[in-house]
Amino acid sequence: MALDRIDRQILALLQADGRMTNVDLADRVGLTAPPCLRRVRALEEAGAIQGYHAELDAAALGYPITVFAMVSLRSQAERDLAAFETHVATIPEIRECHMLNGEIDFILKIVASDLRAFQDILTTHLTPAPNVASVKTSLTIRTSKHQPGIPVGEE
């Protein structure tokens, strides 16, 4: 995807503040509103912008616990990998699922209201899931950097 300087500015600004009005966005990138909106729509249609989301405070909303779980499966056949991904997609507290290269097959980001709730997720939904060989977990102590998105530098 070929992006010029203005496209990159638009992406960076919207990534930082998805609620920015088109008029404000246009002003910040030096365009009038109609061509700015056309660029935003083109970026959406090209798939560079996949959606707009509110960033929520997990702790304030009752999910102060974040755990990363490293999952190894017994089989790495594609159907077994897909079945595991389908299973974890049904568990709302599992917020991210990434397939890895190496000793661990998946890393999951899990949020929970407390340690008992996390234990329930682990023992009821995760470790007994079909094809799961092992689950190793690490509870986060603090988060020193949380920056959603990607770096959108100048061209």
Protein backbone atom coordinates (compact mmCIF):
# COMPACT_ATOMS: atom_id res chain seq x y z
CA MET A 1 0.00 0.00 0.00
CA ALA A 2 1.54 3.29 -1.09
CA LEU A 3 1.01 6.00 1.53
CA ASP A 4 2.09 9.58 1.17
CA ARG A 5 2.97 12.00 3.99
CA ILE A 6 -0.63 13.17 4.41
CA ASP A 7 -1.99 9.60 4.56
CA ARG A 8 0.56 8.82 7.29
CA GLN A 9 -0.42 11.95 9.21
CA ILE A 10 -4.09 11.00 8.96
CA LEU A 11 -3.35 7.49 10.22
CA ALA A 12 -1.22 8.74 13.11
CA LEU A 13 -3.80 11.31 14.18
CA LEU A 14 -6.74 8.91 13.99
CA GLN A 15 -4.78 6.22 15.82
CA ALA A 16 -4.13 8.71 18.64
CA ASP A 17 -7.71 10.03 18.67
CA GLY A 18 -10.31 8.08 16.71
CA ARG A 19 -13.02 10.54 17.78
CA MET A 20 -11.35 13.47 16.03
CA THR A 21 -13.81 15.19 13.72
CA ASN A 22 -13.08 15.29 10.02
CA VAL A 23 -12.89 19.10 10.21
CA ASP A 24 -10.22 18.92 12.95
CA LEU A 25 -8.37 16.18 11.09
CA ALA A 26 -8.41 18.15 7.85
CA ASP A 27 -7.12 21.24 9.64
CA ARG A 28 -4.27 19.29 11.26
CA VAL A 29 -3.09 17.79 7.95
CA GLY A 30 -3.56 20.95 5.89
CA LEU A 31 -6.51 19.91 3.76
CA THR A 32 -10.10 21.02 3.45
CA ALA A 33 -12.74 18.66 4.83
CA PRO A 34 -13.97 16.98 1.59
CA PRO A 35 -10.58 15.74 0.31
CA CYS A 36 -9.62 14.70 3.85
CA LEU A 37 -12.79 12.62 4.14
CA ARG A 38 -12.09 11.05 0.73
CA ARG A 39 -8.62 10.04 1.95
CA VAL A 40 -10.02 8.57 5.18
CA ARG A 41 -12.62 6.59 3.22
CA ALA A 42 -9.92 5.35 0.81
CA LEU A 43 -7.76 4.25 3.77
CA GLU A 44 -10.75 2.42 5.25
CA GLU A 45 -11.57 0.72 1.93
CA ALA A 46 -7.93 -0.30 1.45
CA GLY A 47 -7.95 -1.90 4.90
CA ALA A 48 -5.36 0.42 6.45
CA ILE A 49 -8.04 1.54 8.91
CA GLN A 50 -9.87 -1.50 10.22
CA GLY A 51 -12.07 0.11 12.84
CA TYR A 52 -12.47 2.67 15.60
CA HIS A 53 -12.43 1.69 19.25
CA ALA A 54 -12.69 3.24 22.69
CA GLU A 55 -9.79 2.44 25.01
CA LEU A 56 -11.30 1.25 28.29
CA ASP A 57 -9.77 1.18 31.77
CA ALA A 58 -9.84 -2.52 32.65
CA ALA A 59 -9.28 -2.03 36.39
CA ALA A 60 -11.94 0.68 36.66
CA LEU A 61 -14.40 -1.66 34.94
CA GLY A 62 -13.74 -4.60 37.24
CA TYR A 63 -10.86 -6.40 35.51
CA PRO A 64 -7.72 -5.49 37.48
CA ILE A 65 -5.97 -8.83 36.81
CA THR A 66 -4.07 -9.40 33.56
CA VAL A 67 -2.38 -12.73 32.92
CA PHE A 68 -0.39 -14.01 29.98
CA ALA A 69 -0.78 -17.73 29.31
CA MET A 70 1.62 -19.73 27.19
CA VAL A 71 -0.17 -22.72 25.72
CA SER A 72 1.38 -25.82 24.17
CA LEU A 73 -0.79 -28.17 22.15
CA ARG A 74 -0.33 -31.91 21.62
CA SER A 75 -0.84 -31.55 17.87
CA GLN A 76 0.01 -28.67 15.55
CA ALA A 77 -2.07 -29.95 12.64
CA GLU A 78 -3.94 -27.04 11.09
CA ARG A 79 -7.35 -28.41 12.08
CA ASP A 80 -6.19 -28.67 15.72
CA LEU A 81 -4.74 -25.15 15.70
CA ALA A 82 -7.97 -23.80 14.20
CA ALA A 83 -10.07 -25.71 16.74
CA PHE A 84 -8.08 -24.17 19.60
CA GLU A 85 -8.47 -20.68 18.12
CA THR A 86 -12.21 -21.24 17.75
CA HIS A 87 -12.42 -22.40 21.37
CA VAL A 88 -10.56 -19.40 22.83
CA ALA A 89 -12.69 -17.04 20.72
CA THR A 90 -15.67 -18.12 22.83
CA ILE A 91 -14.05 -17.02 26.12
CA PRO A 92 -14.63 -13.27 26.59
CA GLU A 93 -11.86 -12.85 29.16
CA ILE A 94 -9.27 -13.99 26.62
CA ARG A 95 -8.62 -10.68 24.91
CA GLU A 96 -5.75 -11.68 22.62
CA CYS A 97 -4.57 -14.93 21.09
CA HIS A 98 -1.33 -15.11 19.11
CA MET A 99 0.10 -18.24 17.50
CA LEU A 100 3.86 -18.38 18.03
CA ASN A 101 6.83 -19.99 16.37
CA GLY A 102 8.87 -22.15 18.71
CA GLU A 103 8.33 -24.14 21.88
CA ILE A 104 5.03 -22.47 22.81
CA ASP A 105 2.13 -22.66 20.36
CA PHE A 106 0.00 -19.74 21.60
CA ILE A 107 0.25 -16.80 23.94
CA LEU A 108 -3.00 -15.49 25.37
CA LYS A 109 -3.79 -12.25 27.15
CA ILE A 110 -6.44 -12.88 29.77
CA VAL A 111 -8.23 -10.38 32.02
CA ALA A 112 -10.06 -11.32 35.20
CA SER A 113 -11.95 -9.69 38.04
CA ASP A 114 -9.81 -11.47 40.64
CA LEU A 115 -7.50 -14.48 41.03
CA ARG A 116 -10.39 -16.83 41.73
CA ALA A 117 -12.07 -15.80 38.45
CA PHE A 118 -8.76 -16.32 36.61
CA GLN A 119 -8.38 -19.75 38.21
CA ASP A 120 -11.89 -20.62 37.01
CA ILE A 121 -11.04 -19.58 33.44
CA LEU A 122 -7.85 -21.61 33.60
CA THR A 123 -9.30 -24.80 35.11
CA THR A 124 -12.72 -24.76 33.49
CA HIS A 125 -12.07 -23.43 30.01
CA LEU A 126 -8.39 -23.54 29.15
CA THR A 127 -6.50 -26.54 30.55
CA PRO A 128 -9.28 -29.06 29.84
CA ALA A 129 -9.71 -27.83 26.25
CA PRO A 130 -9.14 -30.48 23.59
CA ASN A 131 -5.52 -30.90 22.49
CA VAL A 132 -4.03 -28.70 25.26
CA ALA A 133 -0.80 -30.28 26.53
CA SER A 134 0.28 -27.56 28.97
CA VAL A 135 -0.47 -24.03 30.10
CA LYS A 136 2.10 -21.81 31.82
CA THR A 137 0.87 -18.50 33.20
CA SER A 138 2.45 -15.24 34.29
CA LEU A 139 0.52 -12.64 36.25
CA THR A 140 1.38 -9.06 35.35
CA ILE A 141 2.73 -6.93 38.18
CA ARG A 142 2.52 -3.62 36.34
CA THR A 143 2.41 -2.30 32.80
CA SER A 144 5.05 0.29 32.02
CA LYS A 145 4.08 0.73 28.37
CA HIS A 146 0.76 0.19 26.66
CA GLN A 147 0.63 1.68 23.21
CA PRO A 148 -1.99 0.17 20.95
CA GLY A 149 -1.54 0.38 17.21
CA ILE A 150 1.64 0.65 15.20
CA PRO A 151 4.28 3.32 14.67
CA VAL A 152 3.15 5.47 11.74
CA GLY A 153 6.23 7.53 10.96
CA GLU A 154 6.80 10.06 8.26
CA GLU A 155 7.56 8.68 4.81
